[in-house]
N, C-alpha and C. Protein backbone atom coordinates (compact mmCIF):
# COMPACT_ATOMS: atom_id res chain seq x y z
N MET A 1 0.86 -1.13 0.09
CA MET A 1 -0.01 -0.01 0.06
C MET A 1 0.98 1.05 -0.06
N ARG A 2 0.77 2.19 -0.94
CA ARG A 2 1.35 3.36 -0.93
C ARG A 2 0.58 4.63 -0.23
N VAL A 3 1.23 5.08 0.75
CA VAL A 3 0.52 6.22 1.46
C VAL A 3 1.34 7.69 1.48
N LEU A 4 0.53 8.68 1.39
CA LEU A 4 1.07 10.00 1.46
C LEU A 4 0.61 10.45 2.61
N ILE A 5 1.30 11.15 3.53
CA ILE A 5 0.83 12.04 4.69
C ILE A 5 1.22 13.34 4.49
N ALA A 6 0.31 14.33 4.21
CA ALA A 6 0.67 15.66 4.11
C ALA A 6 0.04 16.28 5.25
N TYR A 7 0.84 17.28 5.84
CA TYR A 7 0.48 17.87 7.02
C TYR A 7 0.98 19.33 6.92
N ALA A 8 0.15 20.17 7.93
CA ALA A 8 0.42 21.39 8.19
C ALA A 8 0.70 21.45 9.68
N SER A 9 1.71 21.96 10.20
CA SER A 9 2.17 22.29 11.26
C SER A 9 2.75 23.40 11.83
N TRP A 10 2.08 24.16 12.82
CA TRP A 10 2.46 25.31 13.20
C TRP A 10 3.59 25.55 14.33
N PHE A 11 3.37 24.64 15.51
CA PHE A 11 4.31 24.56 16.57
C PHE A 11 4.91 23.10 16.52
N GLY A 12 4.74 22.33 15.62
CA GLY A 12 5.41 21.07 15.43
C GLY A 12 4.66 19.85 15.82
N HIS A 13 3.18 20.15 16.45
CA HIS A 13 2.48 18.95 17.07
C HIS A 13 2.15 18.02 15.79
N ASN A 14 1.67 18.58 14.77
CA ASN A 14 1.01 17.79 13.61
C ASN A 14 2.38 17.25 12.96
N ARG A 15 3.38 17.75 12.65
CA ARG A 15 4.64 17.06 12.17
C ARG A 15 5.20 15.93 13.16
N THR A 16 5.01 15.99 14.41
CA THR A 16 5.35 14.95 15.22
C THR A 16 4.18 13.84 15.05
N MET A 17 2.96 14.14 14.82
CA MET A 17 1.88 13.27 14.90
C MET A 17 2.17 12.54 13.38
N ALA A 18 2.35 13.23 12.42
CA ALA A 18 2.56 12.64 10.97
C ALA A 18 3.74 11.68 11.20
N LYS A 19 4.91 12.16 11.77
CA LYS A 19 5.97 11.15 11.74
C LYS A 19 5.62 9.85 12.29
N ALA A 20 4.93 9.98 13.58
CA ALA A 20 4.49 8.85 14.35
C ALA A 20 3.54 7.93 13.59
N LEU A 21 2.71 8.58 12.94
CA LEU A 21 1.75 7.84 11.99
C LEU A 21 2.43 7.07 10.89
N ALA A 22 3.42 7.92 10.33
CA ALA A 22 4.22 7.27 9.16
C ALA A 22 4.99 6.06 9.77
N GLN A 23 5.53 5.99 10.93
CA GLN A 23 6.28 4.96 11.42
C GLN A 23 5.38 3.93 11.69
N GLU A 24 4.20 4.13 12.30
CA GLU A 24 3.26 3.09 12.55
C GLU A 24 2.56 2.42 11.13
N LEU A 25 2.37 3.28 10.09
CA LEU A 25 2.04 2.57 9.14
C LEU A 25 3.12 1.84 8.30
N GLU A 26 4.27 2.16 8.33
CA GLU A 26 5.29 1.62 7.81
C GLU A 26 5.52 0.06 8.57
N ARG A 27 5.27 0.15 9.89
CA ARG A 27 5.50 -1.08 10.67
C ARG A 27 4.61 -2.12 10.39
N GLN A 28 3.39 -1.53 9.82
CA GLN A 28 2.29 -2.43 9.54
C GLN A 28 2.33 -2.80 7.90
N GLY A 29 3.46 -2.44 7.28
CA GLY A 29 3.60 -2.78 5.89
C GLY A 29 3.49 -1.81 4.85
N ALA A 30 3.12 -0.65 5.08
CA ALA A 30 2.68 0.42 4.00
C ALA A 30 4.27 1.03 3.60
N THR A 31 4.12 1.50 2.43
CA THR A 31 5.12 2.40 1.96
C THR A 31 4.66 3.88 2.16
N VAL A 32 5.36 4.61 3.05
CA VAL A 32 4.81 6.10 3.35
C VAL A 32 5.71 7.16 3.00
N ILE A 33 5.12 8.20 2.21
CA ILE A 33 5.80 9.44 2.16
C ILE A 33 5.26 10.28 3.00
N CYS A 34 6.02 11.14 3.92
CA CYS A 34 5.44 11.98 4.93
C CYS A 34 6.11 13.35 4.63
N ALA A 35 5.27 14.42 4.38
CA ALA A 35 5.95 15.71 4.04
C ALA A 35 5.00 16.82 4.49
N PRO A 36 5.47 17.94 4.86
CA PRO A 36 4.54 19.30 4.88
C PRO A 36 3.73 19.55 3.48
N ALA A 37 2.49 20.00 3.82
CA ALA A 37 1.62 20.05 2.63
C ALA A 37 2.27 21.19 1.61
N SER A 38 3.09 22.04 2.17
CA SER A 38 3.65 23.12 1.22
C SER A 38 4.76 22.47 0.22
N ARG A 39 5.19 21.26 0.48
CA ARG A 39 6.10 20.78 -0.32
C ARG A 39 5.55 19.73 -1.21
N ILE A 40 4.17 19.35 -1.22
CA ILE A 40 3.51 18.37 -1.95
C ILE A 40 2.75 19.12 -3.04
N THR A 41 2.71 18.54 -4.11
CA THR A 41 2.14 18.97 -5.37
C THR A 41 1.08 17.77 -5.70
N ALA A 42 0.02 18.41 -6.59
CA ALA A 42 -0.94 17.36 -7.01
C ALA A 42 -0.45 16.27 -7.66
N ALA A 43 0.58 16.29 -8.51
CA ALA A 43 1.25 15.22 -9.22
C ALA A 43 1.72 14.16 -8.40
N GLU A 44 1.94 14.48 -7.18
CA GLU A 44 2.61 13.38 -6.24
C GLU A 44 1.51 12.56 -5.54
N VAL A 45 0.33 12.81 -5.96
CA VAL A 45 -0.55 11.77 -5.42
C VAL A 45 -1.20 10.86 -6.48
N VAL A 46 -0.38 10.92 -7.51
CA VAL A 46 -0.90 9.78 -8.56
C VAL A 46 -0.45 8.50 -8.06
N GLY A 47 -1.26 7.40 -8.05
CA GLY A 47 -0.92 6.12 -7.86
C GLY A 47 -0.81 5.84 -6.30
N LEU A 48 -1.51 6.59 -5.73
CA LEU A 48 -1.55 6.28 -4.02
C LEU A 48 -2.84 5.51 -3.69
N ASP A 49 -2.65 4.71 -2.59
CA ASP A 49 -3.74 4.11 -2.13
C ASP A 49 -4.53 4.86 -1.28
N LEU A 50 -3.64 5.62 -0.26
CA LEU A 50 -4.19 6.27 0.74
C LEU A 50 -3.49 7.53 0.82
N LEU A 51 -4.31 8.70 0.98
CA LEU A 51 -3.78 9.97 1.42
C LEU A 51 -4.39 10.60 2.65
N VAL A 52 -3.31 10.71 3.47
CA VAL A 52 -3.76 11.14 4.85
C VAL A 52 -3.18 12.83 5.14
N LEU A 53 -4.35 13.66 5.64
CA LEU A 53 -4.12 15.02 5.74
C LEU A 53 -4.10 15.28 7.30
N GLY A 54 -3.05 16.07 7.68
CA GLY A 54 -3.15 16.43 8.97
C GLY A 54 -3.05 18.14 9.15
N THR A 55 -3.86 18.69 9.90
CA THR A 55 -4.01 20.05 10.04
C THR A 55 -4.01 20.56 11.48
N TYR A 56 -3.52 21.77 11.70
CA TYR A 56 -3.88 22.37 12.98
C TYR A 56 -5.02 23.24 12.86
N THR A 57 -5.52 23.70 14.07
CA THR A 57 -6.68 24.57 13.98
C THR A 57 -6.19 25.94 14.31
N HIS A 58 -6.63 27.01 13.50
CA HIS A 58 -6.39 28.33 14.09
C HIS A 58 -7.60 29.17 13.49
N GLY A 59 -8.01 29.71 14.41
CA GLY A 59 -9.51 30.44 14.30
C GLY A 59 -10.55 29.49 13.90
N GLY A 60 -10.48 28.17 14.29
CA GLY A 60 -11.73 27.45 13.94
C GLY A 60 -11.46 26.72 12.59
N ARG A 61 -10.41 27.12 11.78
CA ARG A 61 -10.14 26.70 10.39
C ARG A 61 -8.99 25.63 10.19
N ALA A 62 -8.98 24.99 9.06
CA ALA A 62 -7.73 24.27 8.79
C ALA A 62 -6.69 25.18 8.02
N ASN A 63 -5.44 24.70 7.98
CA ASN A 63 -4.55 25.32 7.24
C ASN A 63 -4.84 25.45 5.70
N ARG A 64 -4.62 26.74 5.29
CA ARG A 64 -4.98 27.31 3.89
C ARG A 64 -4.40 26.42 2.90
N ARG A 65 -2.81 26.29 2.98
CA ARG A 65 -2.21 25.45 2.20
C ARG A 65 -2.79 23.97 1.78
N LEU A 66 -3.25 23.43 2.94
CA LEU A 66 -3.72 22.25 2.77
C LEU A 66 -5.01 22.07 2.19
N LEU A 67 -5.86 23.02 2.44
CA LEU A 67 -7.09 23.24 1.66
C LEU A 67 -6.77 23.37 0.19
N GLN A 68 -5.77 24.27 -0.32
CA GLN A 68 -5.34 24.51 -1.67
C GLN A 68 -4.75 23.15 -2.24
N LEU A 69 -4.02 22.50 -1.41
CA LEU A 69 -3.61 21.20 -2.11
C LEU A 69 -4.74 20.38 -2.22
N CYS A 70 -5.86 20.18 -1.49
CA CYS A 70 -6.87 19.47 -1.75
C CYS A 70 -7.59 19.78 -3.07
N ASP A 71 -7.77 21.12 -3.31
CA ASP A 71 -8.30 21.70 -4.39
C ASP A 71 -7.69 21.58 -5.80
N SER A 72 -6.21 21.22 -5.45
CA SER A 72 -5.31 21.01 -6.76
C SER A 72 -5.28 19.70 -7.35
N ILE A 73 -5.89 18.79 -6.43
CA ILE A 73 -5.78 17.31 -6.84
C ILE A 73 -7.21 16.90 -7.58
N PRO A 74 -6.99 16.78 -8.79
CA PRO A 74 -8.25 16.34 -9.64
C PRO A 74 -9.16 15.43 -9.11
N ARG A 75 -10.26 15.59 -9.10
CA ARG A 75 -11.27 14.61 -8.71
C ARG A 75 -11.01 13.38 -9.00
N ARG A 76 -10.66 12.95 -10.30
CA ARG A 76 -10.43 11.64 -10.82
C ARG A 76 -9.29 11.00 -9.97
N ARG A 77 -8.40 11.73 -9.58
CA ARG A 77 -7.22 11.01 -8.54
C ARG A 77 -7.76 10.63 -7.46
N LEU A 78 -8.67 11.57 -6.70
CA LEU A 78 -8.92 11.32 -5.32
C LEU A 78 -10.04 9.89 -5.33
N GLU A 79 -10.81 9.86 -6.58
CA GLU A 79 -11.77 8.83 -6.49
C GLU A 79 -11.13 7.19 -6.52
N HIS A 80 -9.80 7.41 -6.77
CA HIS A 80 -9.18 5.89 -6.75
C HIS A 80 -8.38 5.69 -5.47
N MET A 81 -8.40 6.75 -4.50
CA MET A 81 -7.48 6.46 -3.19
C MET A 81 -8.49 6.61 -1.82
N ALA A 82 -8.23 6.19 -0.87
CA ALA A 82 -8.74 6.48 0.38
C ALA A 82 -8.06 7.71 0.84
N VAL A 83 -9.08 8.42 1.70
CA VAL A 83 -8.55 9.57 2.37
C VAL A 83 -8.86 9.42 3.95
N GLY A 84 -7.93 9.87 4.73
CA GLY A 84 -8.07 10.09 6.18
C GLY A 84 -7.62 11.55 6.51
N VAL A 85 -8.10 11.96 7.86
CA VAL A 85 -7.50 13.27 8.47
C VAL A 85 -7.36 13.19 9.76
N PHE A 86 -6.38 13.91 10.25
CA PHE A 86 -5.95 14.06 11.77
C PHE A 86 -5.67 15.21 11.84
N GLY A 87 -5.73 15.79 13.11
CA GLY A 87 -5.32 17.23 13.62
C GLY A 87 -5.38 17.37 15.04
N THR A 88 -4.94 18.65 15.39
CA THR A 88 -4.89 19.10 16.76
C THR A 88 -5.87 20.30 16.97
N GLN A 89 -6.15 20.53 18.20
CA GLN A 89 -6.91 21.49 18.63
C GLN A 89 -6.69 21.69 20.11
N ILE A 90 -7.10 22.97 20.68
CA ILE A 90 -6.91 23.05 22.12
C ILE A 90 -8.06 22.31 22.65
N ALA A 91 -7.52 21.47 23.79
CA ALA A 91 -8.42 20.37 24.39
C ALA A 91 -9.69 20.99 24.89
N ALA A 92 -9.95 22.20 25.49
CA ALA A 92 -11.01 22.61 26.18
C ALA A 92 -12.02 23.06 24.96
N VAL A 93 -11.60 23.44 23.82
CA VAL A 93 -12.39 23.70 22.78
C VAL A 93 -12.81 22.40 21.89
N LEU A 94 -12.10 21.45 21.99
CA LEU A 94 -12.44 20.12 21.39
C LEU A 94 -13.39 19.56 22.43
N GLN A 95 -13.47 19.58 23.60
CA GLN A 95 -14.19 18.85 24.56
C GLN A 95 -15.46 19.64 24.60
N ALA A 96 -15.55 20.97 24.14
CA ALA A 96 -16.88 21.66 24.01
C ALA A 96 -17.65 21.41 22.64
N ASN A 97 -16.90 20.60 21.96
CA ASN A 97 -17.38 20.12 20.56
C ASN A 97 -17.38 21.24 19.71
N GLN A 98 -16.49 22.51 19.73
CA GLN A 98 -16.63 23.29 19.07
C GLN A 98 -15.84 22.87 17.84
N PRO A 99 -16.04 23.18 16.58
CA PRO A 99 -15.49 22.77 15.29
C PRO A 99 -14.16 23.37 15.22
N GLY A 100 -13.17 22.69 14.65
CA GLY A 100 -11.77 22.84 14.35
C GLY A 100 -11.13 22.58 13.12
N GLY A 101 -10.11 22.70 12.87
CA GLY A 101 -9.63 22.57 11.62
C GLY A 101 -9.76 21.16 10.99
N VAL A 102 -9.87 20.27 11.74
CA VAL A 102 -10.13 18.83 11.30
C VAL A 102 -11.58 18.74 10.62
N ASP A 103 -12.46 19.59 11.28
CA ASP A 103 -13.80 19.67 10.87
C ASP A 103 -13.85 20.40 9.54
N ASP A 104 -13.24 21.64 9.57
CA ASP A 104 -13.10 22.41 8.31
C ASP A 104 -12.57 21.48 7.21
N LEU A 105 -11.55 20.66 7.36
CA LEU A 105 -10.89 19.89 6.33
C LEU A 105 -11.76 19.01 5.78
N VAL A 106 -12.59 18.32 6.71
CA VAL A 106 -13.52 17.24 6.25
C VAL A 106 -14.55 17.78 5.51
N ALA A 107 -15.27 18.90 5.94
CA ALA A 107 -16.31 19.41 5.37
C ALA A 107 -15.77 19.86 3.94
N HIS A 108 -14.49 20.39 3.88
CA HIS A 108 -14.12 20.75 2.51
C HIS A 108 -13.82 19.40 1.49
N LEU A 109 -13.56 18.43 2.05
CA LEU A 109 -13.42 17.34 1.18
C LEU A 109 -14.60 16.96 0.77
N GLU A 110 -15.77 16.85 1.72
CA GLU A 110 -16.92 16.09 1.49
C GLU A 110 -17.65 17.17 0.62
N SER A 111 -17.52 18.52 0.59
CA SER A 111 -18.25 19.38 -0.47
C SER A 111 -17.77 19.14 -1.82
N ARG A 112 -16.47 18.48 -2.12
CA ARG A 112 -16.17 17.98 -3.22
C ARG A 112 -16.58 16.58 -3.60
N GLY A 113 -17.04 15.85 -2.68
CA GLY A 113 -17.90 14.70 -2.92
C GLY A 113 -17.14 13.33 -2.45
N PHE A 114 -16.21 13.53 -1.57
CA PHE A 114 -15.25 12.60 -0.94
C PHE A 114 -15.55 12.32 0.46
N ASP A 115 -15.67 10.84 0.69
CA ASP A 115 -15.99 10.49 1.95
C ASP A 115 -14.57 10.06 2.77
N ILE A 116 -14.42 10.52 4.17
CA ILE A 116 -13.32 9.93 4.81
C ILE A 116 -13.46 8.55 5.15
N VAL A 117 -12.41 7.88 5.12
CA VAL A 117 -12.62 6.17 5.27
C VAL A 117 -12.79 5.80 6.67
N SER A 118 -12.12 6.61 7.50
CA SER A 118 -12.31 6.31 9.07
C SER A 118 -12.52 7.63 9.75
N PRO A 119 -13.14 7.45 10.86
CA PRO A 119 -13.29 8.66 11.72
C PRO A 119 -11.90 9.38 11.97
N PRO A 120 -12.01 10.77 11.84
CA PRO A 120 -10.52 11.49 12.07
C PRO A 120 -10.07 11.28 13.32
N LEU A 121 -8.86 11.43 13.38
CA LEU A 121 -7.99 11.39 14.84
C LEU A 121 -7.84 12.86 15.11
N ARG A 122 -8.53 13.16 16.48
CA ARG A 122 -8.25 14.58 16.91
C ARG A 122 -7.40 14.51 18.35
N ILE A 123 -6.45 15.23 18.33
CA ILE A 123 -5.76 15.18 19.47
C ILE A 123 -5.92 16.58 20.28
N GLY A 124 -6.26 16.64 21.62
CA GLY A 124 -6.53 17.89 22.18
C GLY A 124 -5.22 18.45 22.92
N LEU A 125 -4.67 19.40 22.79
CA LEU A 125 -3.57 20.11 23.23
C LEU A 125 -3.83 20.83 24.51
N ARG A 126 -3.19 20.68 25.55
CA ARG A 126 -3.42 21.32 27.01
C ARG A 126 -2.26 22.39 27.31
N GLY A 127 -2.91 23.26 28.02
CA GLY A 127 -1.85 24.25 28.65
C GLY A 127 -0.97 24.69 27.72
N ALA A 128 0.22 24.96 28.17
CA ALA A 128 1.68 25.34 27.23
C ALA A 128 1.80 24.49 26.08
N ALA A 129 1.30 23.18 26.12
CA ALA A 129 1.45 22.57 24.75
C ALA A 129 0.85 22.96 23.56
N THR A 130 -0.17 23.98 23.72
CA THR A 130 -0.72 24.55 22.64
C THR A 130 0.19 25.38 21.91
N VAL A 131 1.14 25.94 22.51
CA VAL A 131 2.33 26.81 21.78
C VAL A 131 3.66 26.43 21.67
N LEU A 132 3.95 25.34 22.47
CA LEU A 132 5.40 24.79 22.69
C LEU A 132 5.31 23.59 21.98
N PRO A 133 6.56 23.10 21.12
CA PRO A 133 6.77 22.07 20.68
C PRO A 133 6.59 20.67 21.78
N TRP A 134 6.02 19.54 21.06
CA TRP A 134 5.92 18.44 22.14
C TRP A 134 7.47 17.81 22.17
N LYS A 135 7.51 17.59 23.49
CA LYS A 135 8.95 16.86 23.87
C LYS A 135 8.82 15.39 23.49
N GLY A 136 7.67 14.97 23.34
CA GLY A 136 7.61 13.63 22.82
C GLY A 136 6.08 13.30 23.16
N ILE A 137 5.80 12.42 22.32
CA ILE A 137 4.12 11.93 22.32
C ILE A 137 4.04 11.00 23.54
N GLY A 138 2.86 11.30 24.38
CA GLY A 138 2.60 10.43 25.34
C GLY A 138 2.05 9.06 24.99
N ALA A 139 1.98 8.05 25.95
CA ALA A 139 1.49 6.81 25.70
C ALA A 139 -0.02 6.86 25.18
N ARG A 140 -0.79 7.66 25.64
CA ARG A 140 -2.34 7.98 25.09
C ARG A 140 -2.39 8.18 23.64
N GLU A 141 -1.62 9.32 23.32
CA GLU A 141 -1.44 9.77 21.86
C GLU A 141 -1.10 8.83 21.12
N ARG A 142 0.12 7.95 21.58
CA ARG A 142 0.73 6.98 20.83
C ARG A 142 -0.22 5.79 20.55
N GLY A 143 -1.12 5.48 21.49
CA GLY A 143 -2.09 4.61 21.38
C GLY A 143 -3.23 5.08 20.42
N GLN A 144 -3.56 6.21 20.34
CA GLN A 144 -4.43 6.74 19.41
C GLN A 144 -3.92 6.67 18.00
N ILE A 145 -2.90 7.16 17.78
CA ILE A 145 -2.13 7.07 16.64
C ILE A 145 -2.06 5.60 16.09
N LYS A 146 -1.70 4.70 16.78
CA LYS A 146 -1.69 3.34 16.37
C LYS A 146 -2.91 2.77 16.14
N ALA A 147 -4.17 3.07 16.71
CA ALA A 147 -5.41 2.79 16.55
C ALA A 147 -5.86 3.19 15.06
N PHE A 148 -5.50 4.55 15.03
CA PHE A 148 -5.85 5.37 13.81
C PHE A 148 -5.25 4.58 12.56
N ALA A 149 -3.98 4.32 12.61
CA ALA A 149 -3.18 3.82 11.52
C ALA A 149 -3.85 2.42 11.33
N ARG A 150 -4.23 1.47 12.19
CA ARG A 150 -4.83 0.43 12.04
C ARG A 150 -6.19 0.71 11.36
N ASP A 151 -6.91 1.50 11.70
CA ASP A 151 -8.54 1.85 11.23
C ASP A 151 -8.22 2.36 9.54
N LEU A 152 -7.18 3.07 9.68
CA LEU A 152 -6.90 3.54 8.11
C LEU A 152 -6.90 2.49 7.12
N LEU A 153 -5.51 1.53 7.35
CA LEU A 153 -5.35 0.57 6.77
C LEU A 153 -6.32 -0.39 6.49
N GLU A 154 -7.26 -0.85 7.49
CA GLU A 154 -8.28 -1.68 7.49
C GLU A 154 -9.27 -1.11 6.47
N ALA A 155 -9.67 0.01 6.52
CA ALA A 155 -10.60 0.79 5.68
C ALA A 155 -10.24 1.13 4.28
N SER A 156 -8.91 1.01 3.92
CA SER A 156 -8.28 1.28 2.86
C SER A 156 -8.16 -0.03 1.88
N VAL A 157 -8.13 -1.15 2.38
CA VAL A 157 -7.96 -2.36 1.57
C VAL A 157 -9.15 -2.81 1.25
N PRO A 158 -9.39 -3.00 -0.28
CA PRO A 158 -10.51 -3.44 -0.78
C PRO A 158 -10.91 -4.73 -0.10
N ALA A 159 -12.29 -5.35 0.00
CA ALA A 159 -12.58 -6.52 0.26
C ALA A 159 -12.17 -7.44 -0.72
N PRO A 160 -11.92 -8.73 -0.42
CA PRO A 160 -11.71 -9.65 -1.46
C PRO A 160 -12.86 -10.14 -2.35
N LEU A 161 -12.75 -10.32 -3.50
CA LEU A 161 -14.05 -10.71 -4.50
C LEU A 161 -14.33 -12.11 -4.14
N GLY A 162 -15.56 -12.54 -4.20
CA GLY A 162 -16.01 -13.75 -4.20
C GLY A 162 -16.71 -14.03 -2.87
């Protein structure tokens, strides 16, 4: 399975999550490219089985470059691959069920007619962690990333015929 993880990261949280997700997907047998959305072009999604997009939340919205990347990918290319979404948001805002970047990104993709293959992974950031880089992902977050990777792979593999 060929996977591209394109992420937007302001303080490094989504970069850390993307790299951990890439490691987990590789551990489970996928071939993964992991890069910031600003370095990815629509041509690089040709032949992928899974596209995973990660965004931060700023003002309740997803990263603009990530949305532009989505818009630059021709619909016919997205129709032949699975799509997953992950991201971060301030924990208190997430717990209050207020929309964030993940919701904005999902709505953007769905407005183009695409379904997300697995429920998005949302990580809530607390206190100083909202503006400081992570020193390391905790066991809870690592478990969430591992489960998300498993769900993405299970949802992306076509069922055998017969």
